[in-house]
Amino acid sequence: MSDFSEDDFDLESDDDDFEPTSPVPPPVRNSTRTPTTKKRVKKDESDEYDSNDSELEPVKKTPKATPKATPKAKAQVEVSKPAEAKVKETKGKEVKPKDTATAKDEKPKETLNQAEASEEVAKYLRQTNRPYSVLNVFENLHRRIGKTILQKILDALAERGEINVKTYGKSQIYYYNQSKLPRPSADSLAQTEDHIRTVLDEVAALEKAAKDQEAILQGLTSQMSDADLDAALQTLETQNQLLQVKLQQVDKQPVVAVDPGAKEALTKSFTKYRTEWVKRKRIVMDAIDQIADGMEKKRKDVLDLCGVESDESAGIKDLPVLP
C-alpha cells in the first residue's frame, strides 16, 4: 500500500476521469432482493471496472470498494450469536420464577374423601351443638366439601341417628342428636342457672343506668345555654321596667267612678252589635262559598270579583270581646 499515491485514491471520487468501454447499466434497486444479491451486483460492477481500467485496480482493492469480512468482524458475529442465545435462555428463565410464584400464591384446596368429610361434619355439629342448614355448614367448613356430597353426608348421618333433621317449609335444619351428648350434673346446672341470673341482673342494672344517663343528657341538651339565658334575662328586665313606668302613670291619673247603669247599657249594646256582626259574616261567607263552588274558583277570587271587603282584608284577625 506504500506504492500508491494520494492521486490514486482521489480517482475513486472522480467519476469523469474514466469511461467504461461498454455502457454499464445502473444497479437495479429492488427491495425484494436479499442482501446477498446486492453484494453480488456490487462485486460484478467492481470486476467490470477492473477489467476496463487497469489504473483503478489498486483503488478497487481497498476496503471501501470491495468490503470483505475481516477476522475481527467474524469474531464479533460469532460472539453475538452466543449472546443472543444467552438472552433467550435468560428470558425463558425469567418466566419460570413468575410461574412458580403464582403457583405458590394459589394454594390448592384441601380435598377430603367421603369418610374424612363425614367425620369432619359430625365433629363440627357436635362441637357447635347448634342447628344449621346445608348452606350454613358448607360456608362454615370453608367450602372444603361440595354441596352435593355434603347433602349426602348429612342425610347419612341422620339415618344413622348421629344427627337429627327437621323440615321447615322447603329448608331442612340439621343439629346434633342431644341424646348422644353427656348430660350435665345437677350441681353444674345449678351453677349455670345462678350465673345466668347474675348476668341478667347486671344487664338490667346497666340498662337502667343507661336510661338515666340518657334522660340527663336529653335534659341538658334541651336547656338553654348561658348566653341565651343572659339575653332572655336582659329582655325580661327591660320589659319589667317599661311596665313599671306605665303603672306609675296610671296611678298618677285621677280615678273616676263609672255608673253601673251606663256600664250595663254599653255591655248590652256591644253584645248586640257583635252578635249581628257574626251572623252577617256567616251569611255572606256561605253565599260566597256557594258561588265559588259553582264557578270552580277560590273564595278569595270571588271576594275580589264581587268587591266584598272581609275582616282579614281590613286587618281584623279576631272578633273583639269584652274583658
Protein backbone atom coordinates (compact mmCIF):
# COMPACT_ATOMS: atom_id res chain seq x y z
CA MET A 1 0.00 0.00 0.00
CA SER A 2 3.00 2.34 0.26
CA ASP A 3 3.44 2.39 -3.58
CA PHE A 4 0.14 4.24 -4.01
CA SER A 5 -0.07 8.00 -4.02
CA GLU A 6 -2.86 10.33 -2.93
CA ASP A 7 -3.79 10.88 -6.59
CA ASP A 8 -4.62 7.22 -6.96
CA PHE A 9 -7.08 7.46 -4.08
CA ASP A 10 -8.58 10.65 -5.44
CA LEU A 11 -9.54 8.81 -8.61
CA GLU A 12 -12.16 6.97 -6.63
CA SER A 13 -14.28 10.09 -6.22
CA ASP A 14 -13.72 11.50 -9.77
CA ASP A 15 -16.25 9.77 -11.95
CA ASP A 16 -15.40 11.79 -15.12
CA ASP A 17 -11.77 10.57 -15.40
CA PHE A 18 -12.72 7.23 -16.82
CA GLU A 19 -15.45 5.91 -19.05
CA PRO A 20 -16.11 2.23 -19.40
CA THR A 21 -15.84 0.81 -22.94
CA SER A 22 -19.30 -0.66 -22.73
CA PRO A 23 -22.19 1.08 -21.06
CA VAL A 24 -22.76 -0.27 -17.64
CA PRO A 25 -26.41 -0.36 -16.59
CA PRO A 26 -27.10 1.25 -13.24
CA PRO A 27 -27.67 -1.19 -10.41
CA VAL A 28 -31.31 -2.06 -10.11
CA ARG A 29 -32.61 -1.47 -6.61
CA ASN A 30 -35.23 -3.92 -5.58
CA SER A 31 -36.46 -4.13 -2.03
CA THR A 32 -37.41 -7.77 -2.53
CA ARG A 33 -33.86 -8.88 -3.19
CA THR A 34 -31.86 -10.36 -0.38
CA PRO A 35 -28.66 -8.73 0.91
CA THR A 36 -26.62 -11.45 -0.85
CA THR A 37 -27.86 -10.42 -4.32
CA LYS A 38 -27.00 -6.75 -3.63
CA LYS A 39 -23.49 -7.67 -2.64
CA ARG A 40 -23.18 -9.81 -5.79
CA VAL A 41 -24.19 -6.89 -8.02
CA LYS A 42 -21.60 -4.64 -6.41
CA LYS A 43 -18.96 -7.33 -6.90
CA ASP A 44 -19.84 -7.72 -10.57
CA GLU A 45 -19.64 -3.95 -11.08
CA SER A 46 -16.24 -3.79 -9.44
CA ASP A 47 -14.95 -6.65 -11.60
CA GLU A 48 -16.17 -4.91 -14.73
CA TYR A 49 -14.43 -1.68 -13.75
CA ASP A 50 -11.24 -3.62 -13.03
CA SER A 51 -11.25 -5.18 -16.46
CA ASN A 52 -11.78 -1.85 -18.21
CA ASP A 53 -9.31 0.31 -16.39
CA SER A 54 -6.13 -1.17 -15.00
CA GLU A 55 -5.14 2.07 -13.26
CA LEU A 56 -8.11 1.80 -10.91
CA GLU A 57 -7.23 -1.71 -9.85
CA PRO A 58 -5.36 -0.67 -6.68
CA VAL A 59 -8.25 1.59 -5.72
CA LYS A 60 -10.87 -1.14 -6.13
CA LYS A 61 -8.88 -3.42 -3.87
CA THR A 62 -9.33 -1.04 -0.97
CA PRO A 63 -11.85 -1.94 1.77
CA LYS A 64 -14.16 0.87 0.58
CA ALA A 65 -14.60 -0.60 -2.90
CA THR A 66 -14.79 -4.26 -2.02
CA PRO A 67 -15.54 -4.64 1.70
CA LYS A 68 -14.59 -8.04 2.93
CA ALA A 69 -15.39 -9.68 6.20
CA THR A 70 -12.33 -9.34 8.40
CA PRO A 71 -11.46 -11.92 11.04
CA LYS A 72 -12.35 -9.33 13.69
CA ALA A 73 -15.86 -8.89 12.23
CA LYS A 74 -16.31 -12.64 12.03
CA ALA A 75 -15.32 -12.92 15.65
CA GLN A 76 -17.87 -10.23 16.61
CA VAL A 77 -20.60 -12.09 14.71
CA GLU A 78 -19.66 -15.34 16.37
CA VAL A 79 -19.69 -13.66 19.78
CA SER A 80 -23.11 -12.04 19.14
CA LYS A 81 -24.74 -15.39 18.39
CA PRO A 82 -23.95 -16.92 21.81
CA ALA A 83 -25.03 -13.63 23.40
CA GLU A 84 -28.43 -13.83 21.68
CA ALA A 85 -28.75 -17.44 22.77
CA LYS A 86 -27.97 -16.41 26.37
CA VAL A 87 -30.56 -13.64 26.22
CA LYS A 88 -33.18 -16.13 25.07
CA GLU A 89 -32.20 -18.51 27.84
CA THR A 90 -32.43 -15.74 30.45
CA LYS A 91 -35.87 -14.72 29.13
CA GLY A 92 -37.03 -18.29 29.48
CA LYS A 93 -35.59 -18.45 32.98
CA GLU A 94 -37.29 -15.19 33.98
CA VAL A 95 -40.68 -16.63 33.11
CA LYS A 96 -40.21 -19.68 35.29
CA PRO A 97 -39.94 -17.85 38.65
CA LYS A 98 -43.19 -15.99 37.85
CA ASP A 99 -44.90 -19.28 37.21
CA THR A 100 -43.59 -20.69 40.47
CA ALA A 101 -44.66 -17.52 42.33
CA THR A 102 -48.20 -17.79 41.05
CA ALA A 103 -48.21 -21.46 41.90
CA LYS A 104 -47.19 -20.61 45.47
CA ASP A 105 -49.84 -17.92 45.79
CA GLU A 106 -52.61 -20.19 44.58
CA LYS A 107 -52.66 -22.88 47.23
CA PRO A 108 -54.54 -26.00 46.22
CA LYS A 109 -57.77 -26.52 48.09
CA GLU A 110 -57.71 -29.28 50.64
CA THR A 111 -59.79 -32.18 49.44
CA LEU A 112 -61.33 -34.74 51.75
CA ASN A 113 -62.60 -38.17 50.91
CA GLN A 114 -66.11 -39.19 51.94
CA ALA A 115 -65.07 -40.85 55.20
CA GLU A 116 -62.99 -37.89 56.34
CA ALA A 117 -65.71 -35.46 55.28
CA SER A 118 -68.35 -37.40 57.22
CA GLU A 119 -66.19 -37.40 60.34
CA GLU A 120 -65.47 -33.67 59.91
CA VAL A 121 -69.17 -32.79 59.60
CA ALA A 122 -70.16 -34.89 62.63
CA LYS A 123 -67.35 -33.34 64.70
CA TYR A 124 -68.38 -29.83 63.71
CA LEU A 125 -72.04 -30.34 64.61
CA ARG A 126 -71.07 -31.96 67.93
CA GLN A 127 -68.73 -29.13 68.91
CA THR A 128 -71.04 -26.26 67.95
CA ASN A 129 -74.27 -28.02 69.03
CA ARG A 130 -76.36 -25.58 67.04
CA PRO A 131 -78.90 -26.02 64.22
CA TYR A 132 -77.61 -25.37 60.70
CA SER A 133 -78.81 -25.66 57.15
CA VAL A 134 -76.80 -27.25 54.37
CA LEU A 135 -75.62 -23.85 53.17
CA ASN A 136 -74.52 -22.86 56.68
CA VAL A 137 -72.43 -26.00 57.08
CA PHE A 138 -70.99 -25.53 53.59
CA GLU A 139 -69.87 -21.96 54.34
CA ASN A 140 -68.66 -22.68 57.89
CA LEU A 141 -66.43 -25.51 56.67
CA HIS A 142 -64.83 -23.08 54.19
CA ARG A 143 -66.29 -24.89 51.18
CA ARG A 144 -63.93 -27.82 51.51
CA ILE A 145 -66.80 -30.21 50.88
CA GLY A 146 -69.07 -29.94 47.88
CA LYS A 147 -72.76 -29.25 48.39
CA THR A 148 -73.88 -32.50 46.76
CA ILE A 149 -71.55 -34.65 48.84
CA LEU A 150 -72.39 -32.62 51.96
CA GLN A 151 -76.11 -33.22 51.44
CA LYS A 152 -75.49 -36.97 51.13
CA ILE A 153 -73.31 -36.97 54.26
CA LEU A 154 -75.92 -35.13 56.32
CA ASP A 155 -78.66 -37.49 55.16
CA ALA A 156 -76.48 -40.49 56.00
CA LEU A 157 -75.69 -39.12 59.48
CA ALA A 158 -79.40 -38.51 60.06
CA GLU A 159 -80.18 -42.10 59.04
CA ARG A 160 -77.54 -43.44 61.45
CA GLY A 161 -79.01 -41.33 64.24
CA GLU A 162 -75.94 -39.20 64.90
CA ILE A 163 -77.80 -36.05 63.98
CA ASN A 164 -81.43 -35.02 63.78
CA VAL A 165 -83.18 -33.18 60.97
CA LYS A 166 -86.33 -31.06 60.90
CA THR A 167 -88.08 -29.66 57.87
CA TYR A 168 -89.36 -26.08 57.88
CA GLY A 169 -91.10 -25.43 54.60
CA LYS A 170 -88.59 -26.08 51.83
CA SER A 171 -85.50 -25.96 54.06
CA GLN A 172 -84.06 -28.67 56.27
CA ILE A 173 -82.28 -27.92 59.55
CA TYR A 174 -79.68 -30.32 60.94
CA TYR A 175 -78.46 -30.47 64.54
CA TYR A 176 -76.58 -32.96 66.66
CA ASN A 177 -78.51 -35.68 68.45
CA GLN A 178 -78.89 -34.43 72.02
CA SER A 179 -79.18 -37.95 73.44
CA LYS A 180 -75.58 -38.63 72.44
CA LEU A 181 -74.26 -35.67 74.41
CA PRO A 182 -73.22 -36.16 78.05
CA ARG A 183 -75.84 -34.93 80.49
CA PRO A 184 -74.61 -32.27 82.92
CA SER A 185 -74.83 -32.90 86.65
CA ALA A 186 -77.29 -31.16 88.94
CA ASP A 187 -74.54 -29.05 90.51
CA SER A 188 -73.29 -27.77 87.15
CA LEU A 189 -76.86 -26.95 86.10
CA ALA A 190 -77.47 -25.04 89.32
CA GLN A 191 -74.22 -23.10 88.87
CA THR A 192 -75.12 -22.27 85.30
CA GLU A 193 -78.58 -21.04 86.28
CA ASP A 194 -77.12 -18.91 89.08
CA HIS A 195 -74.62 -17.41 86.64
CA ILE A 196 -77.43 -16.67 84.17
CA ARG A 197 -79.50 -14.91 86.84
CA THR A 198 -76.48 -12.86 87.94
CA VAL A 199 -75.75 -11.80 84.39
CA LEU A 200 -79.41 -10.88 83.81
CA ASP A 201 -79.43 -8.73 86.94
CA GLU A 202 -76.26 -6.97 85.82
CA VAL A 203 -77.75 -6.36 82.38
CA ALA A 204 -80.93 -4.89 83.91
CA ALA A 205 -78.91 -2.62 86.18
CA LEU A 206 -76.77 -1.42 83.30
CA GLU A 207 -79.83 -0.77 81.12
CA LYS A 208 -81.42 1.29 83.90
CA ALA A 209 -78.24 3.31 84.39
CA ALA A 210 -78.04 3.89 80.65
CA LYS A 211 -81.63 5.17 80.56
CA ASP A 212 -80.95 7.53 83.48
CA GLN A 213 -77.87 8.92 81.75
CA GLU A 214 -79.79 9.37 78.50
CA ALA A 215 -82.53 11.30 80.35
CA ILE A 216 -79.91 13.57 81.92
CA LEU A 217 -78.24 14.13 78.60
CA GLN A 218 -81.54 14.95 76.91
CA GLY A 219 -82.39 17.43 79.66
CA LEU A 220 -79.02 19.14 79.33
CA THR A 221 -79.25 19.40 75.57
CA SER A 222 -82.81 20.78 75.70
CA GLN A 223 -81.93 23.52 78.21
CA MET A 224 -80.88 26.99 77.16
CA SER A 225 -77.23 27.87 77.13
CA ASP A 226 -75.73 30.51 79.43
CA ALA A 227 -75.58 33.05 76.64
CA ASP A 228 -79.25 32.50 75.76
CA LEU A 229 -80.23 32.79 79.42
CA ASP A 230 -78.36 36.10 79.75
CA ALA A 231 -80.09 37.52 76.67
CA ALA A 232 -83.56 36.37 77.84
CA LEU A 233 -82.97 37.81 81.33
CA GLN A 234 -81.96 41.17 79.90
CA THR A 235 -85.09 41.26 77.71
CA LEU A 236 -87.37 40.48 80.64
CA GLU A 237 -85.74 43.15 82.78
CA THR A 238 -86.34 45.74 80.05
CA GLN A 239 -90.00 44.75 79.74
CA ASN A 240 -90.41 44.96 83.51
CA GLN A 241 -89.03 48.47 83.56
CA LEU A 242 -91.47 49.58 80.83
CA LEU A 243 -94.43 48.09 82.67
CA GLN A 244 -93.37 49.77 85.89
CA VAL A 245 -93.35 53.15 84.14
CA LYS A 246 -96.84 52.57 82.73
CA LEU A 247 -98.13 51.54 86.14
CA GLN A 248 -96.79 54.67 87.71
CA GLN A 249 -98.50 56.79 85.04
CA VAL A 250 -101.83 55.07 85.63
CA ASP A 251 -101.55 55.54 89.36
CA LYS A 252 -100.98 59.26 88.97
CA GLN A 253 -104.22 59.74 86.97
CA PRO A 254 -107.37 60.57 88.99
CA VAL A 255 -109.80 57.69 89.45
CA VAL A 256 -113.32 58.31 88.05
CA ALA A 257 -116.14 56.08 89.18
CA VAL A 258 -118.25 54.52 86.37
CA ASP A 259 -122.03 54.43 86.67
CA PRO A 260 -123.18 50.79 86.84
CA GLY A 261 -126.24 51.51 84.68
CA ALA A 262 -124.15 53.08 81.93
CA LYS A 263 -121.75 50.17 82.05
CA GLU A 264 -124.57 47.65 81.68
CA ALA A 265 -126.05 49.57 78.76
CA LEU A 266 -122.69 49.60 76.99
CA THR A 267 -122.28 45.89 77.56
CA LYS A 268 -125.72 45.13 76.05
CA SER A 269 -125.02 47.32 73.06
CA PHE A 270 -121.62 45.67 72.47
CA THR A 271 -123.11 42.19 72.68
CA LYS A 272 -125.94 43.10 70.27
CA TYR A 273 -123.67 44.52 67.59
CA ARG A 274 -121.10 41.73 67.95
CA THR A 275 -123.82 39.07 67.54
CA GLU A 276 -125.13 40.79 64.44
CA TRP A 277 -121.60 41.05 63.09
CA VAL A 278 -121.02 37.31 63.45
CA LYS A 279 -124.45 36.48 61.94
CA ARG A 280 -124.00 38.62 58.83
CA LYS A 281 -120.45 37.41 58.31
CA ARG A 282 -121.62 33.80 58.34
CA ILE A 283 -124.45 34.52 55.85
CA VAL A 284 -122.10 36.33 53.42
CA MET A 285 -119.39 33.70 53.61
CA ASP A 286 -121.86 30.87 52.96
CA ALA A 287 -123.10 32.68 49.85
CA ILE A 288 -119.54 33.32 48.69
CA ASP A 289 -118.64 29.65 49.17
CA GLN A 290 -121.63 28.52 47.07
CA ILE A 291 -120.72 30.94 44.29
CA ALA A 292 -117.07 29.79 44.39
CA ASP A 293 -118.14 26.13 44.11
CA GLY A 294 -120.35 26.92 41.11
CA MET A 295 -117.63 28.92 39.39
CA GLU A 296 -114.90 26.47 40.45
CA LYS A 297 -112.87 29.27 41.92
CA LYS A 298 -111.38 30.11 45.28
CA ARG A 299 -113.17 32.20 47.92
CA LYS A 300 -110.58 34.97 47.64
CA ASP A 301 -111.12 35.27 43.88
CA VAL A 302 -114.91 35.55 44.32
CA LEU A 303 -114.49 38.18 47.04
CA ASP A 304 -112.28 40.24 44.76
CA LEU A 305 -114.74 39.77 41.86
CA CYS A 306 -117.78 40.88 43.93
CA GLY A 307 -115.90 43.65 45.73
CA VAL A 308 -116.68 42.30 49.21
CA GLU A 309 -114.36 43.52 51.97
CA SER A 310 -113.57 40.82 54.53
CA ASP A 311 -112.30 41.16 58.10
CA GLU A 312 -108.86 39.88 57.06
CA SER A 313 -108.52 42.47 54.31
CA ALA A 314 -109.47 45.18 56.89
CA GLY A 315 -106.74 43.94 59.25
CA ILE A 316 -109.08 42.30 61.81
CA LYS A 317 -107.74 38.92 62.84
CA ASP A 318 -110.09 38.11 65.75
CA LEU A 319 -113.51 39.49 66.72
CA PRO A 320 -113.41 41.82 69.75
CA VAL A 321 -114.59 40.51 73.09
CA LEU A 322 -115.30 42.11 76.48
CA PRO A 323 -112.55 41.81 79.11
